[in-house]
Structure formats: structure tokens, C-alpha cells
């Protein structure tokens, strides 16, 4: 079955040029999800950064040059890349904020980027209403070709993002073995800033504070100096995530399962038929691809001493894919036993909903019970 999957187009990757405007998206055709699960699991290992081995921390000084933040860049061969389809975004709903640029600048929340007239600002939220991330993307295209090109992005989130990206890349040695990513660590005011990338390629700065995780991304045409100017501004004017912690009114609506009988049809195990009592069945709806659809289900069920929680979301990050056992028909009792041997939860990919035409990912949490209890329920989904 073919369907459309939505993905925001970050148009520049390793020197390629693209044009982006507010709310511009690429529609990707749906492929074979099982293959995507394997590819994403592969990408998880490729994209993890071994900071402990590759980032010897240097102390920041006021006289540091911009390129000193990236002094380890370029030590190695050019990355080999492979493209991967994004099955679903890691968040449930997106709120566009580009019209708020002047207000955010006047309040001192964002810098005045007069040399970047175009922008794409957004906040993304999980299905339960919690903040996933905010992104501020400043763009310049100009009238004189590549010489004026610029893409600078500030991303902030409550925790480090583990996203599936549309490009999987790694550095290889002469034997074909994977080399670690070269990262420079700079300790500034007690906070470690990690820098990756080099001139004429995409560049990245990341750091974490008690409030959240932050990342500045620059395009192949943005200089080290462009990156550090933006870093210095946010260092003096920290971006407080509390301002974006709650989605605007009307972004998500809450219902009981009885009020939305068609929502998540066939995607919730047969708890009632298996003798369970529902202690909670909550549904959130929100805007996805321009239409209002169910984006979140949260159910808690009890049968005797057994207690199981089942959640379903339109969003799935890289961690969820790495933890996914596949579709219900691909899951076996042995897989369940293995998954629950070291923790009490795993994910299940539910394919595209026939009514709402969006893919869903479920998470089962065994709060109390046995793998046999879980296997009994998974079989009701096949």
C-alpha cells in the first residue's frame, strides 16, 4: 500500500544546494517498513558519537578563534553516505512560529539576523503534549548565487535528540572499518561544547545545560565564524524552553476512548476480551498533514496482579525504532522474552492506519506480570 509520509526538507547536505521556504515539505512515498526498521537500526549505530574517546576537552578562552572550536575536524577520510527514507517524524504535532519572528526578537529571545531575511520557526510536541523540540532556521539565498547562501539552525530540546535522519554517514579506514566521528570538545563556563564538521561541509555545535540540550547547525557555506557568532549570542541570552513547554490552545484535544470509537481501531490489543479492566483510556487528536487525526493513545489495564500499559503515537524517534520488535505478525514469544529480560518495555510498529492514513508506533510497558501475559495480548493484534 502506498501512502504519503511527510518530512521537512533540510535542503543542504554535504555541499548540495536547495531552496526552502516556510512550511515547504517533501512528500516521500511509503516503502517496505520492515526494510526501514533494519536500516534505521543500522543508522543508530552509525550516528552515535563516541565522545569519551574522541573529544579531549580544551578550556575556552576569550581569545579563542572560531576555528579552534573545530580543531579536530578533517582528521579522516570523507564520509561514505547512504540515503534512508523517514517512515514517520519523531514528534506528533508541529506548531509553526515564523510569524512570531519580530516578537521573539523584540523580547530578546532570538537574535536579529538581518542578513537572513527568510526563516522557518517551529515547535514540535509529543502526543502527550510534552515538548519534543523547538527549531529556529534562518535562511539566506540572495540574488547572486552560491556566494550568498546560508542556512543556520538553532535547535533546543528538553533532552538530547535521537532522531532518524535522511542521511546515514560514516568514515571508513582503508580496511573498510568504521572510524569514530572526529569531535572537538571545548569547556566553557563549566559546560562542554562539542563541535563537528569542517569548512565547506555541514557543521554542528552541541551542548547541554540543566535546562535542556542545544544544537547549532550551519550549512556547507556557513563559516566557523558564523557558527560562533550565533553560539556567543545564545551563550549571553540562554534560550529558556519553559516558554515553549506547553502547546498553544487547540493544538491537541483530549477525549475518552468512548468519544472516539474509530481511533486506533485494530491497534489496541484485545484487553477486554482477555479479561482486563481499563483503568485509563485517553486519546489526543491533533493536526497531521493538514487534517485532524488521533495522535496519541494511553491505556492502562489490570487483570488480577497483572498490570500493562499500552501507548500509541504518530511519532517515533531513533530510540523507539531501535527498541522495536517489528509488526505484530513479526513478533514471537521468544522475541518478547528476550526484550523483557533486561527491561519492562518494547515498541511495536503498527503500519499505516486505514482510516487516518498515518503510521503509528506503540509501546508496551509490563508494569507487573509475565512475558506470557504480553504474548497473549500481542496475538490479538495479528
Protein backbone atom coordinates (compact mmCIF):
# COMPACT_ATOMS: atom_id res chain seq x y z
CA UNK A 1 0.00 0.00 0.00
CA UNK A 2 1.36 3.41 -0.98
CA UNK A 3 0.83 6.48 1.13
CA UNK A 4 2.47 9.84 1.67
CA UNK A 5 4.90 10.43 4.50
CA UNK A 6 5.79 13.98 5.47
CA UNK A 7 9.31 15.24 6.03
CA UNK A 8 10.68 18.75 6.30
CA UNK A 9 13.33 19.36 3.67
CA UNK A 10 16.66 20.39 5.11
CA UNK A 11 17.88 21.19 1.65
CA UNK A 12 21.66 21.25 2.04
CA UNK A 13 23.68 18.09 2.67
CA UNK A 14 27.43 17.91 2.00
CA UNK A 15 27.55 20.80 -0.45
CA UNK A 16 24.27 20.35 -2.26
CA UNK A 17 22.17 23.41 -2.80
CA UNK A 18 18.41 23.73 -2.36
CA UNK A 19 15.75 26.31 -1.89
CA UNK A 20 13.47 26.24 1.11
CA UNK A 21 10.51 28.42 2.06
CA UNK A 22 8.18 28.45 5.06
CA UNK A 23 6.35 25.17 5.50
CA UNK A 24 7.97 23.58 2.46
CA UNK A 25 7.83 19.81 2.63
CA UNK A 26 8.80 16.78 0.63
CA UNK A 27 6.28 14.00 0.26
CA UNK A 28 8.03 10.67 0.44
CA UNK A 29 6.36 7.53 -0.85
CA UNK A 30 5.80 4.76 1.62
CA UNK A 31 8.12 1.78 1.13
CA UNK A 32 8.60 -1.55 2.83
CA UNK A 33 8.56 -0.82 6.55
CA UNK A 34 10.44 -3.93 7.57
CA UNK A 35 13.42 -2.85 5.50
CA UNK A 36 13.21 0.62 7.01
CA UNK A 37 13.32 -0.85 10.52
CA UNK A 38 16.55 -2.70 9.68
CA UNK A 39 18.08 0.36 8.04
CA UNK A 40 17.20 2.62 10.93
CA UNK A 41 18.67 0.15 13.39
CA UNK A 42 21.85 0.24 11.28
CA UNK A 43 21.78 4.02 11.30
CA UNK A 44 21.51 4.10 15.07
CA UNK A 45 24.94 2.58 15.45
CA UNK A 46 26.46 4.72 12.72
CA UNK A 47 25.28 8.03 14.15
CA UNK A 48 26.13 7.57 17.82
CA UNK A 49 29.06 9.70 18.87
CA UNK A 50 31.80 8.21 20.96
CA UNK A 51 32.59 11.44 22.76
CA UNK A 52 34.63 9.88 25.53
CA UNK A 53 37.21 8.52 23.07
CA UNK A 54 37.25 11.33 20.52
CA UNK A 55 36.80 14.57 22.43
CA UNK A 56 39.72 15.70 24.57
CA UNK A 57 38.38 18.81 26.27
CA UNK A 58 40.14 22.14 25.78
CA UNK A 59 39.50 25.14 28.01
CA UNK A 60 37.75 28.10 26.43
CA UNK A 61 39.43 31.48 26.48
CA UNK A 62 38.14 34.85 25.36
CA UNK A 63 40.85 34.96 22.69
CA UNK A 64 39.87 31.66 21.07
CA UNK A 65 39.40 31.81 17.32
CA UNK A 66 36.25 30.35 15.80
CA UNK A 67 38.19 27.60 14.03
CA UNK A 68 39.70 26.47 17.33
CA UNK A 69 36.29 25.05 18.28
CA UNK A 70 36.68 22.68 15.31
CA UNK A 71 40.40 21.90 15.57
CA UNK A 72 39.88 18.11 15.30
CA UNK A 73 37.77 18.39 12.13
CA UNK A 74 39.08 16.91 8.92
CA UNK A 75 41.12 14.15 10.54
CA UNK A 76 39.99 11.26 8.39
CA UNK A 77 38.53 10.40 5.04
CA UNK A 78 35.41 11.91 3.61
CA UNK A 79 32.27 10.16 4.85
CA UNK A 80 30.51 7.50 2.82
CA UNK A 81 26.80 8.23 2.75
CA UNK A 82 23.60 6.36 2.11
CA UNK A 83 20.07 7.63 1.87
CA UNK A 84 17.26 6.36 4.09
CA UNK A 85 13.52 7.00 3.91
CA UNK A 86 11.99 8.53 7.00
CA UNK A 87 8.96 6.46 7.90
CA UNK A 88 7.46 8.88 10.40
CA UNK A 89 8.53 12.01 12.26
CA UNK A 90 9.78 11.70 15.84
CA UNK A 91 7.06 14.02 17.14
CA UNK A 92 3.27 14.02 16.94
CA UNK A 93 2.31 17.61 16.02
CA UNK A 94 4.11 20.69 14.77
CA UNK A 95 3.29 24.33 15.52
CA UNK A 96 4.70 26.92 13.07
CA UNK A 97 6.03 30.12 14.64
CA UNK A 98 7.63 32.02 11.77
CA UNK A 99 5.09 34.84 12.05
CA UNK A 100 6.37 35.44 15.59
CA UNK A 101 9.89 36.37 14.48
CA UNK A 102 9.65 40.10 15.25
CA UNK A 103 8.03 39.41 18.62
CA UNK A 104 10.70 36.89 19.63
CA UNK A 105 13.42 39.32 18.56
CA UNK A 106 11.85 42.24 20.45
CA UNK A 107 11.64 40.11 23.59
CA UNK A 108 15.31 39.19 23.34
CA UNK A 109 14.54 35.50 22.86
CA UNK A 110 16.13 35.38 19.40
CA UNK A 111 18.88 37.46 17.78
CA UNK A 112 18.15 39.91 14.98
CA UNK A 113 19.52 38.08 11.95
CA UNK A 114 19.12 40.91 9.43
CA UNK A 115 21.34 39.18 6.88
CA UNK A 116 18.95 36.22 6.89
CA UNK A 117 15.57 37.51 5.66
CA UNK A 118 13.86 34.11 5.44
CA UNK A 119 13.00 31.85 8.32
CA UNK A 120 11.22 28.68 9.39
CA UNK A 121 10.46 28.55 13.11
CA UNK A 122 8.53 25.69 14.69
CA UNK A 123 7.83 23.85 17.91
CA UNK A 124 7.18 20.11 17.88
CA UNK A 125 5.25 18.27 20.58
CA UNK A 126 4.85 14.66 21.58
CA UNK A 127 1.42 13.09 21.59
CA UNK A 128 1.10 13.52 25.37
CA UNK A 129 1.57 17.28 24.99
CA UNK A 130 5.17 17.46 26.19
CA UNK A 131 7.72 19.47 24.19
CA UNK A 132 9.86 17.48 21.78
CA UNK A 133 11.93 20.35 20.39
CA UNK A 134 11.94 23.90 19.04
CA UNK A 135 13.75 24.83 15.83
CA UNK A 136 14.76 28.26 14.54
CA UNK A 137 16.01 28.16 10.98
CA UNK A 138 17.44 31.34 9.40
CA UNK A 139 17.95 31.29 5.63
CA UNK A 140 19.59 33.46 3.02
CA UNK A 141 19.53 32.75 -0.71
CA UNK A 142 20.22 36.16 -2.29
CA UNK A 143 20.36 37.10 -5.93
CA UNK A 144 23.97 36.27 -6.73
CA UNK A 145 24.12 32.50 -6.48
CA UNK A 146 26.06 30.37 -4.07
CA UNK A 147 28.13 33.23 -2.63
CA UNK A 148 25.16 34.42 -0.56
CA UNK A 149 23.87 31.03 0.51
CA UNK A 150 23.34 30.40 4.25
CA UNK A 151 21.36 28.06 6.49
CA UNK A 152 21.77 28.48 10.25
CA UNK A 153 19.59 26.42 12.60
CA UNK A 154 19.21 26.60 16.36
CA UNK A 155 17.54 23.51 17.83
CA UNK A 156 16.69 23.10 21.51
CA UNK A 157 15.04 20.21 23.34
CA UNK A 158 14.43 19.06 26.93
CA UNK A 159 16.81 16.13 26.31
CA UNK A 160 19.34 15.09 23.67
CA UNK A 161 17.59 14.27 20.41
CA UNK A 162 17.99 10.81 18.94
CA UNK A 163 16.43 11.40 15.56
CA UNK A 164 16.37 9.28 12.46
CA UNK A 165 17.97 11.36 9.70
CA UNK A 166 17.60 11.14 5.94
CA UNK A 167 21.33 10.57 5.51
CA UNK A 168 23.40 7.89 7.18
CA UNK A 169 27.12 8.56 7.00
CA UNK A 170 30.31 7.15 8.47
CA UNK A 171 34.05 7.42 7.99
CA UNK A 172 35.89 4.31 6.83
CA UNK A 173 39.53 3.32 7.03
CA UNK A 174 41.46 1.51 4.28
CA UNK A 175 40.16 -1.84 5.55
CA UNK A 176 36.54 -0.74 5.42
CA UNK A 177 36.24 -0.49 9.20
CA UNK A 178 34.14 2.31 10.66
CA UNK A 179 36.11 5.19 12.15
CA UNK A 180 34.76 7.26 15.04
CA UNK A 181 33.48 10.73 14.28
CA UNK A 182 36.07 13.43 14.98
CA UNK A 183 34.77 15.82 17.61
CA UNK A 184 36.34 18.75 19.40
CA UNK A 185 35.26 19.39 22.99
CA UNK A 186 35.58 22.87 24.50
CA UNK A 187 34.80 23.52 28.15
CA UNK A 188 33.25 26.96 28.54
CA UNK A 189 31.90 28.19 31.88
CA UNK A 190 31.79 24.59 33.09
CA UNK A 191 29.73 23.42 30.09
CA UNK A 192 31.18 21.15 27.39
CA UNK A 193 30.55 22.23 23.80
CA UNK A 194 31.01 19.52 21.16
CA UNK A 195 31.90 20.63 17.62
CA UNK A 196 31.89 18.54 14.46
CA UNK A 197 32.26 19.30 10.76
CA UNK A 198 34.64 21.39 8.70
CA UNK A 199 34.77 24.18 6.18
CA UNK A 200 32.72 23.62 3.01
CA UNK A 201 30.69 20.93 4.84
CA UNK A 202 27.85 20.94 7.31
CA UNK A 203 28.97 21.95 10.80
CA UNK A 204 27.46 21.36 14.20
CA UNK A 205 27.80 22.59 17.79
CA UNK A 206 26.01 20.85 20.67
CA UNK A 207 25.92 21.44 24.41
CA UNK A 208 23.72 20.58 27.37
CA UNK A 209 22.71 22.50 30.49
CA UNK A 210 20.42 21.77 33.41
CA UNK A 211 17.55 23.18 31.35
CA UNK A 212 17.99 21.32 28.08
CA UNK A 213 20.04 20.24 25.06
CA UNK A 214 21.07 22.66 22.31
CA UNK A 215 22.43 22.34 18.77
CA UNK A 216 23.53 24.91 16.20
CA UNK A 217 23.84 23.66 12.62
CA UNK A 218 25.48 25.51 9.75
CA UNK A 219 25.45 24.71 6.04
CA UNK A 220 28.41 23.94 3.81
CA UNK A 221 28.64 27.67 3.01
CA UNK A 222 28.47 28.98 6.58
CA UNK A 223 31.85 29.70 8.14
CA UNK A 224 33.21 28.78 11.54
CA UNK A 225 32.77 32.45 12.44
CA UNK A 226 29.07 32.36 11.50
CA UNK A 227 28.61 29.44 13.87
CA UNK A 228 30.44 31.02 16.80
CA UNK A 229 28.69 34.39 16.46
CA UNK A 230 25.39 32.57 16.93
CA UNK A 231 26.82 30.48 19.77
CA UNK A 232 28.09 33.59 21.57
CA UNK A 233 24.69 35.26 21.28
CA UNK A 234 22.84 32.32 22.83
CA UNK A 235 25.57 31.99 25.45
CA UNK A 236 24.76 35.53 26.60
CA UNK A 237 20.99 35.08 26.05
CA UNK A 238 20.13 31.48 27.05
CA UNK A 239 17.07 30.05 25.32
CA UNK A 240 14.60 29.08 28.03
CA UNK A 241 12.50 26.11 26.98
CA UNK A 242 9.84 26.82 29.60
CA UNK A 243 8.41 29.41 27.21
CA UNK A 244 7.55 26.63 24.74
CA UNK A 245 6.79 23.80 27.18
CA UNK A 246 3.02 23.79 26.55
CA UNK A 247 1.43 23.63 23.08
CA UNK A 248 -0.90 26.51 22.17
CA UNK A 249 -4.57 26.05 22.96
CA UNK A 250 -6.29 23.85 20.39
CA UNK A 251 -3.12 22.09 19.25
CA UNK A 252 -4.19 18.87 20.99
CA UNK A 253 -7.67 17.84 22.09
CA UNK A 254 -8.38 15.16 24.70
CA UNK A 255 -11.09 12.50 24.51
CA UNK A 256 -12.02 9.27 26.15
CA UNK A 257 -11.91 6.15 24.00
CA UNK A 258 -15.69 6.03 24.02
CA UNK A 259 -15.82 9.50 22.46
CA UNK A 260 -13.52 8.42 19.61
CA UNK A 261 -14.59 4.83 18.82
CA UNK A 262 -12.82 4.73 15.43
CA UNK A 263 -9.50 5.97 16.76
CA UNK A 264 -6.72 3.37 16.78
CA UNK A 265 -9.10 0.66 15.57
CA UNK A 266 -7.20 -2.62 15.34
CA UNK A 267 -4.17 -1.06 17.04
CA UNK A 268 -5.10 -1.74 20.65
CA UNK A 269 -4.83 -5.34 21.90
CA UNK A 270 -7.96 -7.18 22.98
CA UNK A 271 -7.68 -6.29 26.64
CA UNK A 272 -11.39 -6.61 27.40
CA UNK A 273 -11.72 -10.00 25.66
CA UNK A 274 -8.67 -11.18 27.61
CA UNK A 275 -10.28 -10.28 30.92
CA UNK A 276 -8.58 -6.95 31.64
CA UNK A 277 -10.23 -3.89 33.14
CA UNK A 278 -9.30 -0.46 31.77
CA UNK A 279 -8.15 1.97 34.43
CA UNK A 280 -7.47 4.69 31.85
CA UNK A 281 -8.06 5.11 28.10
CA UNK A 282 -7.08 8.59 26.91
CA UNK A 283 -6.92 9.83 23.30
CA UNK A 284 -5.36 13.01 21.94
CA UNK A 285 -6.10 14.34 18.46
CA UNK A 286 -4.08 16.90 16.54
CA UNK A 287 -3.23 18.26 13.11
CA UNK A 288 -1.13 15.94 10.93
CA UNK A 289 -0.64 16.63 7.20
CA UNK A 290 -3.38 19.27 7.39
CA UNK A 291 -6.09 17.12 8.91
CA UNK A 292 -7.17 16.35 12.45
CA UNK A 293 -6.28 12.76 13.38
CA UNK A 294 -5.68 10.74 16.55
CA UNK A 295 -2.02 11.23 17.53
CA UNK A 296 -1.82 9.62 20.97
CA UNK A 297 -3.42 6.81 22.94
CA UNK A 298 -2.63 5.98 26.55
CA UNK A 299 -4.27 2.97 28.17
CA UNK A 300 -3.62 1.25 31.48
CA UNK A 301 -5.11 -2.19 32.12
CA UNK A 302 -5.26 -4.57 35.03
CA UNK A 303 -6.17 -8.26 35.38
CA UNK A 304 -5.58 -9.68 38.83
CA UNK A 305 -1.97 -8.89 39.68
CA UNK A 306 -1.07 -8.18 36.05
CA UNK A 307 -0.76 -4.53 35.04
CA UNK A 308 0.07 -3.44 31.47
CA UNK A 309 0.29 -0.04 29.81
CA UNK A 310 -0.21 0.39 26.05
CA UNK A 311 0.54 3.70 24.32
CA UNK A 312 0.32 4.56 20.61
CA UNK A 313 1.79 7.62 18.88
CA UNK A 314 2.28 9.09 15.43
CA UNK A 315 5.85 9.96 16.44
CA UNK A 316 8.85 7.65 16.84
CA UNK A 317 12.45 8.69 17.37
CA UNK A 318 15.59 6.64 16.76
CA UNK A 319 15.44 5.05 20.22
CA UNK A 320 11.91 3.80 19.56
CA UNK A 321 12.99 2.21 16.27
CA UNK A 322 15.99 0.58 17.91
CA UNK A 323 13.64 -0.85 20.54
CA UNK A 324 11.03 -2.01 18.00
CA UNK A 325 10.33 -5.74 17.64
CA UNK A 326 8.57 -5.23 14.30
CA UNK A 327 4.94 -5.52 13.28
CA UNK A 328 2.60 -7.62 15.47
CA UNK A 329 2.76 -10.50 12.97
CA UNK A 330 6.57 -10.50 13.13
CA UNK A 331 6.73 -10.74 16.92
CA UNK A 332 7.23 -14.10 18.60
CA UNK A 333 7.06 -15.22 22.19
CA UNK A 334 10.83 -15.70 22.10
CA UNK A 335 11.35 -12.07 20.97
CA UNK A 336 9.14 -10.87 23.81
CA UNK A 337 11.05 -12.90 26.40
CA UNK A 338 14.34 -11.55 25.12
CA UNK A 339 13.11 -7.94 25.06
CA UNK A 340 11.73 -8.13 28.59
CA UNK A 341 14.76 -9.88 30.05
CA UNK A 342 16.57 -6.60 30.70
CA UNK A 343 13.73 -4.07 30.86
CA UNK A 344 9.96 -3.91 31.07
CA UNK A 345 9.00 -2.39 27.70
CA UNK A 346 9.37 -2.59 23.91
CA UNK A 347 7.90 -0.97 20.79
CA UNK A 348 5.62 -2.34 18.07
CA UNK A 349 5.26 -0.85 14.59
CA UNK A 350 1.60 -0.73 13.58
CA UNK A 351 1.80 0.28 9.91
CA UNK A 352 -0.46 2.87 8.34
CA UNK A 353 -3.93 3.29 9.78
CA UNK A 354 -6.54 2.53 7.10
CA UNK A 355 -8.89 5.29 8.30
CA UNK A 356 -6.47 8.15 9.01
CA UNK A 357 -3.67 7.21 6.59
CA UNK A 358 -0.79 7.81 9.04
CA UNK A 359 1.69 5.32 10.56
CA UNK A 360 1.71 4.56 14.28
CA UNK A 361 4.21 3.20 16.79
CA UNK A 362 3.07 1.54 20.01
CA UNK A 363 4.91 0.94 23.26
CA UNK A 364 4.01 -1.85 25.66
CA UNK A 365 5.10 -1.50 29.30
CA UNK A 366 4.79 -4.53 31.56
CA UNK A 367 4.37 -2.88 34.93
CA UNK A 368 3.60 -6.21 36.57
CA UNK A 369 3.14 -9.63 35.02
CA UNK A 370 4.90 -12.17 32.82
CA UNK A 371 6.03 -12.42 29.17
CA UNK A 372 3.24 -14.97 28.70
CA UNK A 373 0.69 -12.26 29.58
CA UNK A 374 2.21 -9.99 26.95
CA UNK A 375 2.36 -12.71 24.28
CA UNK A 376 -1.32 -13.44 24.81
CA UNK A 377 -2.17 -9.79 24.05
CA UNK A 378 0.15 -9.38 21.07
CA UNK A 379 -1.53 -12.35 19.39
CA UNK A 380 -4.84 -10.47 19.44
CA UNK A 381 -3.32 -7.90 17.07
CA UNK A 382 -2.30 -10.39 14.37
